[in-house]
Amino acid sequence: MNNINALRRSELCNGLNDNELEMLATIFHSRQVNRNEIILKEGEPSNDLYIIARGRVKVVMTSSANPGDMEKIVTLRDNEIYGEFALLDGSTRSASVITEEDSFFLYTDYLDFHRFMEENEHIGFIIMKNLAKILTAKLRKTNFEMRNGAH
């Protein structure tokens, strides 16, 4: 799979032209992962941002009601991102991510990402604006679910 095409389909890259996508692609790596593999573990340090180029993952957290059990929070699919919290604040992982099918990811780490954003301010502005929209949508969805008793 072409990394530039995968970036083009991601919400994170909305508004970037072909030249900007090519520049951004230089900081992303690719990774093929089999079904049922743990990509990230809750509580562990990690600073990578992932884009699901193809596949499906579940995001799970330790249950507060039944310690030791895992609670599924959400399923993420093609073109969605995860790992954005740690990329922004460098904190440990707030949840675990497990593949539900064979998947193909693009990923970048904190240092490469921030260095690129500083060196390419226009692209950085667009990406951070898109990231704010993605996080706002996730927060609104969580608020709606909490209000309606989904969690």
Protein backbone atom coordinates (compact mmCIF):
# COMPACT_ATOMS: atom_id res chain seq x y z
CA MET A 1 0.00 0.00 0.00
CA ASN A 2 1.29 3.45 -0.90
CA ASN A 3 1.92 5.58 2.21
CA ILE A 4 0.96 8.80 0.44
CA ASN A 5 -2.42 7.38 -0.60
CA ALA A 6 -3.02 6.15 2.94
CA LEU A 7 -2.21 9.60 4.33
CA ARG A 8 -4.47 11.23 1.73
CA ARG A 9 -7.46 9.19 2.99
CA SER A 10 -6.87 10.02 6.66
CA GLU A 11 -8.83 12.84 8.33
CA LEU A 12 -5.54 13.91 9.86
CA CYS A 13 -4.33 15.07 6.44
CA ASN A 14 -7.46 16.81 5.12
CA GLY A 15 -6.46 19.95 3.24
CA LEU A 16 -2.90 18.91 2.38
CA ASN A 17 -1.85 18.95 -1.27
CA ASP A 18 0.19 16.23 -2.99
CA ASN A 19 3.53 17.94 -2.33
CA GLU A 20 2.70 18.40 1.36
CA LEU A 21 1.60 14.75 1.62
CA GLU A 22 4.90 13.64 0.07
CA MET A 23 6.80 15.71 2.62
CA LEU A 24 4.72 14.33 5.50
CA ALA A 25 5.16 10.74 4.30
CA THR A 26 8.89 10.98 5.05
CA ILE A 27 8.23 10.79 8.82
CA PHE A 28 5.83 7.84 8.65
CA HIS A 29 6.77 4.17 8.73
CA SER A 30 4.56 1.21 7.84
CA ARG A 31 3.73 -1.90 9.81
CA GLN A 32 1.75 -5.02 8.88
CA VAL A 33 0.11 -6.71 11.89
CA ASN A 34 -1.80 -9.98 12.21
CA ARG A 35 -5.22 -10.43 13.80
CA ASN A 36 -5.38 -10.46 17.63
CA GLU A 37 -2.01 -8.76 18.15
CA ILE A 38 -1.62 -6.19 20.92
CA ILE A 39 -0.31 -2.97 19.41
CA LEU A 40 -0.35 -0.79 22.53
CA LYS A 41 -0.75 -1.69 26.20
CA GLU A 42 -2.57 0.48 28.68
CA GLY A 43 -0.19 2.15 31.13
CA GLU A 44 2.95 1.59 29.06
CA PRO A 45 5.08 4.42 27.74
CA SER A 46 4.75 5.05 24.05
CA ASN A 47 4.72 8.14 21.90
CA ASP A 48 3.67 6.91 18.47
CA LEU A 49 0.72 8.12 16.44
CA TYR A 50 -0.92 5.45 14.26
CA ILE A 51 -3.08 5.73 11.16
CA ILE A 52 -5.04 2.63 10.21
CA ALA A 53 -4.35 2.35 6.49
CA ARG A 54 -6.28 -0.91 6.29
CA GLY A 55 -7.82 -3.01 9.01
CA ARG A 56 -9.72 -2.85 12.26
CA VAL A 57 -8.68 -2.53 15.91
CA LYS A 58 -10.47 -2.49 19.22
CA VAL A 59 -9.57 -0.05 21.95
CA VAL A 60 -9.92 -1.58 25.42
CA MET A 61 -9.40 -0.34 28.98
CA THR A 62 -9.18 -2.04 32.33
CA SER A 63 -12.69 -2.23 33.76
CA SER A 64 -13.31 -0.08 36.82
CA ALA A 65 -16.32 -2.26 37.75
CA ASN A 66 -14.45 -5.58 37.42
CA PRO A 67 -10.70 -5.09 37.94
CA GLY A 68 -8.74 -7.50 35.80
CA ASP A 69 -11.37 -7.47 33.05
CA MET A 70 -11.02 -5.43 29.88
CA GLU A 71 -13.82 -3.22 28.62
CA LYS A 72 -14.13 -2.45 24.91
CA ILE A 73 -14.35 1.28 24.35
CA VAL A 74 -14.51 1.58 20.58
CA THR A 75 -13.69 -0.09 17.28
CA LEU A 76 -11.53 1.89 14.85
CA ARG A 77 -11.33 1.20 11.12
CA ASP A 78 -9.62 2.26 7.91
CA ASN A 79 -8.26 5.83 7.90
CA GLU A 80 -8.86 6.46 11.61
CA ILE A 81 -6.08 7.36 14.04
CA TYR A 82 -5.07 6.33 17.53
CA GLY A 83 -2.23 7.23 19.86
CA GLU A 84 -2.91 10.94 19.56
CA PHE A 85 -3.00 11.57 23.33
CA ALA A 86 0.53 10.28 23.91
CA LEU A 87 1.74 12.09 20.81
CA LEU A 88 0.49 15.38 22.24
CA ASP A 89 1.37 15.05 25.91
CA GLY A 90 3.91 12.20 26.11
CA SER A 91 1.88 10.40 28.78
CA THR A 92 1.55 6.64 29.14
CA ARG A 93 -1.08 4.83 27.12
CA SER A 94 -4.61 5.40 28.39
CA ALA A 95 -5.89 2.22 26.71
CA SER A 96 -4.77 -0.94 24.93
CA VAL A 97 -5.20 -1.44 21.19
CA ILE A 98 -5.68 -4.92 19.72
CA THR A 99 -6.14 -5.84 16.06
CA GLU A 100 -9.46 -7.49 15.19
CA GLU A 101 -8.23 -8.45 11.71
CA ASP A 102 -4.99 -8.40 9.77
CA SER A 103 -4.12 -4.71 9.55
CA PHE A 104 -1.69 -2.29 7.96
CA PHE A 105 -0.65 0.87 9.83
CA LEU A 106 1.35 3.99 9.27
CA TYR A 107 3.02 5.40 12.35
CA THR A 108 5.31 8.20 13.44
CA ASP A 109 6.89 9.05 16.75
CA TYR A 110 6.75 12.11 18.96
CA LEU A 111 10.17 13.53 18.06
CA ASP A 112 9.84 13.13 14.29
CA PHE A 113 6.29 14.51 14.38
CA HIS A 114 7.12 17.60 16.43
CA ARG A 115 10.32 18.31 14.53
CA PHE A 116 8.40 18.13 11.25
CA MET A 117 5.64 20.42 12.58
CA GLU A 118 8.19 23.02 13.68
CA GLU A 119 10.05 22.92 10.35
CA ASN A 120 6.85 23.00 8.26
CA GLU A 121 4.56 25.42 10.08
CA HIS A 122 1.85 25.60 7.40
CA ILE A 123 1.51 21.81 7.26
CA GLY A 124 1.74 21.68 11.04
CA PHE A 125 -1.11 24.16 11.39
CA ILE A 126 -3.36 22.11 9.09
CA ILE A 127 -2.55 18.84 10.86
CA MET A 128 -3.07 20.31 14.34
CA LYS A 129 -6.38 21.83 13.20
CA ASN A 130 -7.45 18.43 11.89
CA LEU A 131 -6.28 16.76 15.10
CA ALA A 132 -8.36 19.23 17.12
CA LYS A 133 -11.42 18.35 15.01
CA ILE A 134 -10.82 14.61 15.49
CA LEU A 135 -10.42 14.96 19.25
CA THR A 136 -13.48 17.22 19.48
CA ALA A 137 -15.58 14.64 17.60
CA LYS A 138 -14.38 11.87 19.94
CA LEU A 139 -15.17 13.99 23.01
CA ARG A 140 -18.65 14.88 21.70
CA LYS A 141 -19.35 11.20 21.03
CA THR A 142 -18.25 10.29 24.56
CA ASN A 143 -20.38 13.09 26.04
CA PHE A 144 -23.41 11.90 24.06
CA GLU A 145 -22.88 8.28 25.15
CA MET A 146 -22.47 9.26 28.80
CA ARG A 147 -25.61 11.40 28.68
CA ASN A 148 -27.55 8.52 27.18
CA GLY A 149 -26.18 5.87 29.55
CA ALA A 150 -24.05 3.99 27.03
CA HIS A 151 -21.16 3.74 29.55
